[in-house]
Structures are given as structure tokens and as C-alpha cells.
Amino acid sequence: MSERAAPFYCPYCGDEDLRPGEQGHGSWECAACNRAFQLKFLGLLARGFQHSDAGGDTT
């Protein structure tokens, strides 16, 4: 099994200078904006779920 995926950029400022946080699994710290955040896996989407277009019926 592979390692967990790490975020590529900070969700607040977009910088890429991220380090694992001290608060445990899934926490990250951004050196650029001095913010800490946590990532969490919520689950899988239902099978057969289709992303519909926002436009509606075009007939």
C-alpha cells in the first residue's frame, strides 16, 4: 500500500510551502500564511452518481 496523498498547495493562500502539522494525522501547516488546516476523507460517492450540467433542458 502507498503513503497517503499530501496536499500540493495551501487552500487559503495557494502557496506550496507546506509541512505536516504537530496536531496529528492529516494536519498541515503553511509557512507562507501561517495557517494550519486538516484534511479528512469523508467517503466514496454512490455508484452511478452522474455530475449533471448546470444548464438544464436545452430542447
PDB file of N, CA and C in Angstrom:
ATOM      1  N   MET A   1       0.849  -1.179   0.000  1.00  0.00           N
ATOM      2  CA  MET A   1       0.000   0.000   0.000  1.00  0.00           C
ATOM      3  C   MET A   1       0.893   1.240   0.000  1.00  0.00           C
ATOM      4  N   SER A   2       0.449   2.287  -0.670  1.00  0.00           N
ATOM      5  CA  SER A   2       1.260   3.506  -0.764  1.00  0.00           C
ATOM      6  C   SER A   2       0.964   4.451   0.392  1.00  0.00           C
ATOM      7  N   GLU A   3       1.797   5.488   0.500  1.00  0.00           N
ATOM      8  CA  GLU A   3       1.596   6.505   1.530  1.00  0.00           C
ATOM      9  C   GLU A   3       0.364   7.345   1.199  1.00  0.00           C
ATOM     10  N   ARG A   4      -0.137   8.023   2.179  1.00  0.00           N
ATOM     11  CA  ARG A   4      -1.279   8.920   1.975  1.00  0.00           C
ATOM     12  C   ARG A   4      -0.853  10.096   1.103  1.00  0.00           C
ATOM     13  N   ALA A   5      -1.783  10.609   0.351  1.00  0.00           N
ATOM     14  CA  ALA A   5      -1.504  11.746  -0.518  1.00  0.00           C
ATOM     15  C   ALA A   5      -1.372  13.016   0.307  1.00  0.00           C
ATOM     16  N   ALA A   6      -0.448  13.854  -0.088  1.00  0.00           N
ATOM     17  CA  ALA A   6      -0.228  15.134   0.575  1.00  0.00           C
ATOM     18  C   ALA A   6      -0.812  16.247  -0.290  1.00  0.00           C
ATOM     19  N   PRO A   7      -1.289  17.325   0.323  1.00  0.00           N
ATOM     20  CA  PRO A   7      -1.807  18.439  -0.477  1.00  0.00           C
ATOM     21  C   PRO A   7      -0.665  19.113  -1.239  1.00  0.00           C
ATOM     22  N   PHE A   8      -0.971  19.634  -2.409  1.00  0.00           N
ATOM     23  CA  PHE A   8       0.036  20.301  -3.235  1.00  0.00           C
ATOM     24  C   PHE A   8       0.152  21.782  -2.922  1.00  0.00           C
ATOM     25  N   TYR A   9      -0.915  22.379  -2.392  1.00  0.00           N
ATOM     26  CA  TYR A   9      -0.892  23.807  -2.096  1.00  0.00           C
ATOM     27  C   TYR A   9      -1.844  24.119  -0.944  1.00  0.00           C
ATOM     28  N   CYS A  10      -1.638  25.263  -0.325  1.00  0.00           N
ATOM     29  CA  CYS A  10      -2.463  25.718   0.789  1.00  0.00           C
ATOM     30  C   CYS A  10      -3.841  26.131   0.268  1.00  0.00           C
ATOM     31  N   PRO A  11      -4.939  25.661   0.887  1.00  0.00           N
ATOM     32  CA  PRO A  11      -6.272  26.051   0.412  1.00  0.00           C
ATOM     33  C   PRO A  11      -6.613  27.511   0.706  1.00  0.00           C
ATOM     34  N   TYR A  12      -5.820  28.184   1.514  1.00  0.00           N
ATOM     35  CA  TYR A  12      -6.088  29.586   1.867  1.00  0.00           C
ATOM     36  C   TYR A  12      -5.312  30.575   0.997  1.00  0.00           C
ATOM     37  N   CYS A  13      -4.005  30.341   0.823  1.00  0.00           N
ATOM     38  CA  CYS A  13      -3.196  31.310   0.080  1.00  0.00           C
ATOM     39  C   CYS A  13      -2.637  30.750  -1.227  1.00  0.00           C
ATOM     40  N   GLY A  14      -2.676  29.435  -1.413  1.00  0.00           N
ATOM     41  CA  GLY A  14      -2.188  28.837  -2.644  1.00  0.00           C
ATOM     42  C   GLY A  14      -0.700  28.547  -2.669  1.00  0.00           C
ATOM     43  N   ASP A  15       0.015  28.873  -1.621  1.00  0.00           N
ATOM     44  CA  ASP A  15       1.451  28.625  -1.583  1.00  0.00           C
ATOM     45  C   ASP A  15       1.732  27.127  -1.446  1.00  0.00           C
ATOM     46  N   GLU A  16       2.929  26.710  -1.841  1.00  0.00           N
ATOM     47  CA  GLU A  16       3.294  25.295  -1.823  1.00  0.00           C
ATOM     48  C   GLU A  16       4.231  24.918  -0.672  1.00  0.00           C
ATOM     49  N   ASP A  17       4.515  25.846   0.229  1.00  0.00           N
ATOM     50  CA  ASP A  17       5.430  25.580   1.346  1.00  0.00           C
ATOM     51  C   ASP A  17       4.656  24.985   2.523  1.00  0.00           C
ATOM     52  N   LEU A  18       4.292  23.712   2.410  1.00  0.00           N
ATOM     53  CA  LEU A  18       3.503  23.027   3.431  1.00  0.00           C
ATOM     54  C   LEU A  18       4.354  22.010   4.179  1.00  0.00           C
ATOM     55  N   ARG A  19       4.031  21.852   5.452  1.00  0.00           N
ATOM     56  CA  ARG A  19       4.713  20.860   6.296  1.00  0.00           C
ATOM     57  C   ARG A  19       3.669  20.134   7.128  1.00  0.00           C
ATOM     58  N   PRO A  20       3.915  18.861   7.443  1.00  0.00           N
ATOM     59  CA  PRO A  20       2.970  18.148   8.321  1.00  0.00           C
ATOM     60  C   PRO A  20       2.829  18.870   9.656  1.00  0.00           C
ATOM     61  N   GLY A  21       1.606  18.942  10.160  1.00  0.00           N
ATOM     62  CA  GLY A  21       1.347  19.632  11.416  1.00  0.00           C
ATOM     63  C   GLY A  21       1.666  18.784  12.624  1.00  0.00           C
ATOM     64  N   GLU A  22       1.762  19.438  13.762  1.00  0.00           N
ATOM     65  CA  GLU A  22       2.086  18.760  15.014  1.00  0.00           C
ATOM     66  C   GLU A  22       0.860  18.146  15.676  1.00  0.00           C
ATOM     67  N   GLN A  23      -0.341  18.459  15.206  1.00  0.00           N
ATOM     68  CA  GLN A  23      -1.565  18.004  15.857  1.00  0.00           C
ATOM     69  C   GLN A  23      -1.991  16.609  15.426  1.00  0.00           C
ATOM     70  N   GLY A  24      -1.198  15.932  14.664  1.00  0.00           N
ATOM     71  CA  GLY A  24      -1.529  14.561  14.316  1.00  0.00           C
ATOM     72  C   GLY A  24      -1.806  14.340  12.852  1.00  0.00           C
ATOM     73  N   HIS A  25      -2.359  13.178  12.571  1.00  0.00           N
ATOM     74  CA  HIS A  25      -2.585  12.722  11.209  1.00  0.00           C
ATOM     75  C   HIS A  25      -3.532  13.636  10.437  1.00  0.00           C
ATOM     76  N   GLY A  26      -3.125  14.028   9.245  1.00  0.00           N
ATOM     77  CA  GLY A  26      -3.975  14.850   8.392  1.00  0.00           C
ATOM     78  C   GLY A  26      -3.856  16.342   8.597  1.00  0.00           C
ATOM     79  N   SER A  27      -3.062  16.779   9.558  1.00  0.00           N
ATOM     80  CA  SER A  27      -2.922  18.220   9.784  1.00  0.00           C
ATOM     81  C   SER A  27      -1.689  18.745   9.049  1.00  0.00           C
ATOM     82  N   TRP A  28      -1.824  19.940   8.505  1.00  0.00           N
ATOM     83  CA  TRP A  28      -0.764  20.577   7.725  1.00  0.00           C
ATOM     84  C   TRP A  28      -0.611  22.021   8.151  1.00  0.00           C
ATOM     85  N   GLU A  29       0.604  22.553   7.997  1.00  0.00           N
ATOM     86  CA  GLU A  29       0.905  23.946   8.320  1.00  0.00           C
ATOM     87  C   GLU A  29       1.492  24.626   7.101  1.00  0.00           C
ATOM     88  N   CYS A  30       1.019  25.839   6.823  1.00  0.00           N
ATOM     89  CA  CYS A  30       1.526  26.634   5.709  1.00  0.00           C
ATOM     90  C   CYS A  30       2.481  27.691   6.259  1.00  0.00           C
ATOM     91  N   ALA A  31       3.706  27.680   5.771  1.00  0.00           N
ATOM     92  CA  ALA A  31       4.707  28.648   6.231  1.00  0.00           C
ATOM     93  C   ALA A  31       4.458  30.036   5.645  1.00  0.00           C
ATOM     94  N   ALA A  32       3.781  30.121   4.520  1.00  0.00           N
ATOM     95  CA  ALA A  32       3.559  31.411   3.862  1.00  0.00           C
ATOM     96  C   ALA A  32       2.513  32.255   4.580  1.00  0.00           C
ATOM     97  N   CYS A  33       1.360  31.657   4.926  1.00  0.00           N
ATOM     98  CA  CYS A  33       0.291  32.439   5.557  1.00  0.00           C
ATOM     99  C   CYS A  33       0.123  32.112   7.039  1.00  0.00           C
ATOM    100  N   ASN A  34       0.958  31.218   7.551  1.00  0.00           N
ATOM    101  CA  ASN A  34       0.978  30.869   8.977  1.00  0.00           C
ATOM    102  C   ASN A  34      -0.364  30.294   9.445  1.00  0.00           C
ATOM    103  N   ARG A  35      -1.014  29.498   8.579  1.00  0.00           N
ATOM    104  CA  ARG A  35      -2.273  28.858   8.933  1.00  0.00           C
ATOM    105  C   ARG A  35      -2.069  27.351   9.039  1.00  0.00           C
ATOM    106  N   ALA A  36      -2.888  26.741   9.849  1.00  0.00           N
ATOM    107  CA  ALA A  36      -2.906  25.287   9.981  1.00  0.00           C
ATOM    108  C   ALA A  36      -4.268  24.792   9.530  1.00  0.00           C
ATOM    109  N   PHE A  37      -4.283  23.654   8.847  1.00  0.00           N
ATOM    110  CA  PHE A  37      -5.546  23.081   8.395  1.00  0.00           C
ATOM    111  C   PHE A  37      -5.443  21.568   8.452  1.00  0.00           C
ATOM    112  N   GLN A  38      -6.591  20.915   8.334  1.00  0.00           N
ATOM    113  CA  GLN A  38      -6.634  19.464   8.427  1.00  0.00           C
ATOM    114  C   GLN A  38      -7.433  18.900   7.252  1.00  0.00           C
ATOM    115  N   LEU A  39      -6.923  17.811   6.680  1.00  0.00           N
ATOM    116  CA  LEU A  39      -7.614  17.119   5.603  1.00  0.00           C
ATOM    117  C   LEU A  39      -8.318  15.903   6.171  1.00  0.00           C
ATOM    118  N   LYS A  40      -9.508  15.613   5.626  1.00  0.00           N
ATOM    119  CA  LYS A  40     -10.276  14.487   6.126  1.00  0.00           C
ATOM    120  C   LYS A  40     -10.994  13.811   4.965  1.00  0.00           C
ATOM    121  N   PHE A  41     -10.883  12.501   4.875  1.00  0.00           N
ATOM    122  CA  PHE A  41     -11.592  11.720   3.874  1.00  0.00           C
ATOM    123  C   PHE A  41     -13.008  11.484   4.376  1.00  0.00           C
ATOM    124  N   LEU A  42     -14.002  11.871   3.584  1.00  0.00           N
ATOM    125  CA  LEU A  42     -15.398  11.739   4.004  1.00  0.00           C
ATOM    126  C   LEU A  42     -16.032  10.431   3.564  1.00  0.00           C
ATOM    127  N   GLY A  43     -15.603   9.869   2.455  1.00  0.00           N
ATOM    128  CA  GLY A  43     -16.165   8.618   1.977  1.00  0.00           C
ATOM    129  C   GLY A  43     -16.279   8.607   0.466  1.00  0.00           C
ATOM    130  N   LEU A  44     -16.826   7.538  -0.065  1.00  0.00           N
ATOM    131  CA  LEU A  44     -16.991   7.391  -1.500  1.00  0.00           C
ATOM    132  C   LEU A  44     -18.383   7.839  -1.912  1.00  0.00           C
ATOM    133  N   LEU A  45     -18.492   8.354  -3.114  1.00  0.00           N
ATOM    134  CA  LEU A  45     -19.790   8.734  -3.655  1.00  0.00           C
ATOM    135  C   LEU A  45     -20.535   7.477  -4.083  1.00  0.00           C
ATOM    136  N   ALA A  46     -21.845   7.556  -4.118  1.00  0.00           N
ATOM    137  CA  ALA A  46     -22.657   6.414  -4.521  1.00  0.00           C
ATOM    138  C   ALA A  46     -22.343   6.028  -5.966  1.00  0.00           C
ATOM    139  N   ARG A  47     -22.300   4.755  -6.239  1.00  0.00           N
ATOM    140  CA  ARG A  47     -22.020   4.281  -7.587  1.00  0.00           C
ATOM    141  C   ARG A  47     -23.167   4.705  -8.506  1.00  0.00           C
ATOM    142  N   GLY A  48     -22.833   5.133  -9.692  1.00  0.00           N
ATOM    143  CA  GLY A  48     -23.855   5.570 -10.633  1.00  0.00           C
ATOM    144  C   GLY A  48     -24.159   7.053 -10.524  1.00  0.00           C
ATOM    145  N   PHE A  49     -23.547   7.752  -9.586  1.00  0.00           N
ATOM    146  CA  PHE A  49     -23.759   9.193  -9.467  1.00  0.00           C
ATOM    147  C   PHE A  49     -23.185   9.873 -10.699  1.00  0.00           C
ATOM    148  N   GLN A  50     -23.975  10.669 -11.363  1.00  0.00           N
ATOM    149  CA  GLN A  50     -23.540  11.381 -12.556  1.00  0.00           C
ATOM    150  C   GLN A  50     -23.581  12.870 -12.283  1.00  0.00           C
ATOM    151  N   HIS A  51     -22.505  13.557 -12.611  1.00  0.00           N
ATOM    152  CA  HIS A  51     -22.467  15.018 -12.475  1.00  0.00           C
ATOM    153  C   HIS A  51     -23.281  15.607 -13.616  1.00  0.00           C
ATOM    154  N   SER A  52     -24.366  16.271 -13.311  1.00  0.00           N
ATOM    155  CA  SER A  52     -25.226  16.842 -14.348  1.00  0.00           C
ATOM    156  C   SER A  52     -24.771  18.256 -14.693  1.00  0.00           C
ATOM    157  N   ASP A  53     -25.058  18.664 -15.914  1.00  0.00           N
ATOM    158  CA  ASP A  53     -24.755  20.031 -16.332  1.00  0.00           C
ATOM    159  C   ASP A  53     -25.672  20.994 -15.604  1.00  0.00           C
ATOM    160  N   ALA A  54     -25.188  22.183 -15.332  1.00  0.00           N
ATOM    161  CA  ALA A  54     -25.966  23.179 -14.597  1.00  0.00           C
ATOM    162  C   ALA A  54     -27.016  23.841 -15.490  1.00  0.00           C
ATOM    163  N   GLY A  55     -26.956  23.622 -16.808  1.00  0.00           N
ATOM    164  CA  GLY A  55     -27.818  24.313 -17.743  1.00  0.00           C
ATOM    165  C   GLY A  55     -29.274  23.888 -17.736  1.00  0.00           C
ATOM    166  N   GLY A  56     -29.568  22.643 -17.569  1.00  0.00           N
ATOM    167  CA  GLY A  56     -30.959  22.188 -17.624  1.00  0.00           C
ATOM    168  C   GLY A  56     -31.313  21.673 -18.999  1.00  0.00           C
ATOM    169  N   ASP A  57     -32.607  21.600 -19.303  1.00  0.00           N
ATOM    170  CA  ASP A  57     -33.087  21.056 -20.577  1.00  0.00           C
ATOM    171  C   ASP A  57     -32.867  22.072 -21.702  1.00  0.00           C
ATOM    172  N   THR A  58     -32.293  21.616 -22.803  1.00  0.00           N
ATOM    173  CA  THR A  58     -31.984  22.520 -23.922  1.00  0.00           C
ATOM    174  C   THR A  58     -32.827  22.200 -25.150  1.00  0.00           C
ATOM    175  N   THR A  59     -34.048  21.717 -24.969  1.00  0.00           N
ATOM    176  CA  THR A  59     -34.888  21.387 -26.126  1.00  0.00           C
ATOM    177  C   THR A  59     -35.659  22.571 -26.641  1.00  0.00           C
TER     178      THR A  59
END
